[in-house]
Amino acid sequence: LCGVYLQQKKGKEYLSYCDRQIAFIDGVLSKYPHDDDYRKELLQQKKYWLDAK
């Protein structure tokens, strides 16, 4: 799953699918600093992607 590399337009960086998911989750986490239930769910998803790397 994570071995699939996708081109990201800005900066033309190559990030794996997992890295993109993790970056997206980090962005969402920064928008919801006080929503503990939502954050817990997101952190579990982030752990899944980190483990998948």
N, C-alpha and C. Protein backbone atom coordinates (compact mmCIF):
# COMPACT_ATOMS: atom_id res chain seq x y z
N LEU A 1 0.85 -1.21 0.00
CA LEU A 1 0.00 0.00 0.00
C LEU A 1 0.88 1.25 0.00
N CYS A 2 1.83 1.28 0.93
CA CYS A 2 2.64 2.49 1.05
C CYS A 2 3.76 2.55 0.04
N GLY A 3 3.98 1.44 -0.66
CA GLY A 3 5.04 1.44 -1.65
C GLY A 3 4.66 2.24 -2.89
N VAL A 4 3.39 2.58 -3.00
CA VAL A 4 2.92 3.33 -4.16
C VAL A 4 3.27 4.80 -3.96
N TYR A 5 4.11 5.33 -4.84
CA TYR A 5 4.51 6.72 -4.70
C TYR A 5 3.71 7.60 -5.63
N LEU A 6 3.23 8.68 -5.09
CA LEU A 6 2.41 9.61 -5.87
C LEU A 6 3.11 10.95 -5.91
N GLN A 7 3.00 11.61 -7.03
CA GLN A 7 3.65 12.91 -7.15
C GLN A 7 2.76 13.99 -6.54
N GLN A 8 3.38 14.81 -5.75
CA GLN A 8 2.67 15.92 -5.14
C GLN A 8 3.09 17.18 -5.90
N LYS A 9 2.11 17.97 -6.30
CA LYS A 9 2.40 19.07 -7.20
C LYS A 9 3.31 20.12 -6.59
N LYS A 10 2.97 20.64 -5.42
CA LYS A 10 3.80 21.73 -4.89
C LYS A 10 5.15 21.22 -4.45
N GLY A 11 6.20 21.79 -4.97
CA GLY A 11 7.54 21.37 -4.61
C GLY A 11 7.98 20.09 -5.32
N LYS A 12 7.04 19.48 -6.05
CA LYS A 12 7.32 18.23 -6.75
C LYS A 12 7.99 17.20 -5.85
N GLU A 13 7.52 17.11 -4.61
CA GLU A 13 8.05 16.11 -3.70
C GLU A 13 7.36 14.79 -3.98
N TYR A 14 8.08 13.73 -3.76
CA TYR A 14 7.49 12.41 -3.88
C TYR A 14 7.26 11.87 -2.47
N LEU A 15 6.01 11.70 -2.14
CA LEU A 15 5.67 11.17 -0.83
C LEU A 15 4.87 9.89 -1.01
N SER A 16 5.10 8.96 -0.14
CA SER A 16 4.31 7.74 -0.19
C SER A 16 2.88 8.07 0.22
N TYR A 17 1.99 7.17 -0.12
CA TYR A 17 0.58 7.35 0.22
C TYR A 17 0.43 7.49 1.74
N CYS A 18 1.18 6.69 2.48
CA CYS A 18 1.10 6.74 3.94
C CYS A 18 1.52 8.11 4.47
N ASP A 19 2.61 8.64 3.94
CA ASP A 19 3.08 9.94 4.40
C ASP A 19 2.04 11.02 4.12
N ARG A 20 1.36 10.89 3.01
CA ARG A 20 0.32 11.87 2.69
C ARG A 20 -0.85 11.75 3.67
N GLN A 21 -1.22 10.53 4.02
CA GLN A 21 -2.29 10.33 4.99
C GLN A 21 -1.91 10.91 6.35
N ILE A 22 -0.67 10.66 6.76
CA ILE A 22 -0.19 11.15 8.05
C ILE A 22 -0.18 12.68 8.06
N ALA A 23 0.28 13.28 6.98
CA ALA A 23 0.32 14.74 6.90
C ALA A 23 -1.10 15.31 6.96
N PHE A 24 -2.04 14.64 6.30
CA PHE A 24 -3.43 15.08 6.33
C PHE A 24 -3.98 15.01 7.75
N ILE A 25 -3.72 13.90 8.43
CA ILE A 25 -4.21 13.73 9.81
C ILE A 25 -3.59 14.78 10.73
N ASP A 26 -2.29 15.05 10.56
CA ASP A 26 -1.65 16.09 11.37
C ASP A 26 -2.33 17.44 11.15
N GLY A 27 -2.69 17.72 9.90
CA GLY A 27 -3.37 18.98 9.60
C GLY A 27 -4.72 19.06 10.30
N VAL A 28 -5.46 17.97 10.28
CA VAL A 28 -6.76 17.95 10.94
C VAL A 28 -6.59 18.09 12.45
N LEU A 29 -5.60 17.39 13.01
CA LEU A 29 -5.35 17.47 14.46
C LEU A 29 -5.08 18.91 14.88
N SER A 30 -4.36 19.64 14.05
CA SER A 30 -4.02 21.02 14.41
C SER A 30 -5.26 21.92 14.39
N LYS A 31 -6.29 21.51 13.66
CA LYS A 31 -7.52 22.31 13.60
C LYS A 31 -8.47 22.02 14.75
N TYR A 32 -8.30 20.87 15.37
CA TYR A 32 -9.21 20.46 16.46
C TYR A 32 -8.43 20.13 17.72
N PRO A 33 -7.78 21.14 18.31
CA PRO A 33 -6.92 20.86 19.47
C PRO A 33 -7.66 20.43 20.73
N HIS A 34 -8.96 20.70 20.80
CA HIS A 34 -9.67 20.45 22.06
C HIS A 34 -10.73 19.35 21.96
N ASP A 35 -10.87 18.75 20.79
CA ASP A 35 -11.89 17.70 20.62
C ASP A 35 -11.24 16.34 20.89
N ASP A 36 -11.25 15.94 22.17
CA ASP A 36 -10.49 14.77 22.59
C ASP A 36 -10.93 13.47 21.92
N ASP A 37 -12.25 13.27 21.79
CA ASP A 37 -12.73 12.03 21.19
C ASP A 37 -12.30 11.93 19.73
N TYR A 38 -12.45 13.03 19.02
CA TYR A 38 -12.08 13.06 17.61
C TYR A 38 -10.57 12.87 17.46
N ARG A 39 -9.82 13.53 18.33
CA ARG A 39 -8.36 13.41 18.28
C ARG A 39 -7.91 11.97 18.54
N LYS A 40 -8.56 11.31 19.50
CA LYS A 40 -8.19 9.93 19.82
C LYS A 40 -8.38 9.04 18.60
N GLU A 41 -9.49 9.25 17.90
CA GLU A 41 -9.77 8.48 16.69
C GLU A 41 -8.72 8.76 15.61
N LEU A 42 -8.38 10.03 15.44
CA LEU A 42 -7.39 10.41 14.44
C LEU A 42 -6.01 9.85 14.78
N LEU A 43 -5.65 9.88 16.06
CA LEU A 43 -4.35 9.36 16.46
C LEU A 43 -4.25 7.86 16.22
N GLN A 44 -5.38 7.15 16.37
CA GLN A 44 -5.38 5.72 16.07
C GLN A 44 -5.16 5.50 14.58
N GLN A 45 -5.79 6.34 13.76
CA GLN A 45 -5.59 6.25 12.31
C GLN A 45 -4.13 6.55 11.96
N LYS A 46 -3.58 7.58 12.62
CA LYS A 46 -2.19 7.95 12.35
C LYS A 46 -1.26 6.79 12.71
N LYS A 47 -1.52 6.14 13.83
CA LYS A 47 -0.70 5.00 14.24
C LYS A 47 -0.78 3.89 13.20
N TYR A 48 -1.98 3.68 12.65
CA TYR A 48 -2.15 2.67 11.62
C TYR A 48 -1.24 2.96 10.42
N TRP A 49 -1.23 4.22 9.98
CA TRP A 49 -0.41 4.59 8.82
C TRP A 49 1.08 4.52 9.15
N LEU A 50 1.45 4.91 10.36
CA LEU A 50 2.86 4.83 10.75
C LEU A 50 3.31 3.37 10.78
N ASP A 51 2.46 2.50 11.31
CA ASP A 51 2.80 1.09 11.37
C ASP A 51 2.88 0.48 9.98
N ALA A 52 2.09 1.01 9.06
CA ALA A 52 2.05 0.47 7.70
C ALA A 52 3.29 0.84 6.90
N LYS A 53 3.99 1.89 7.35
CA LYS A 53 5.15 2.35 6.59
C LYS A 53 6.26 1.37 6.56
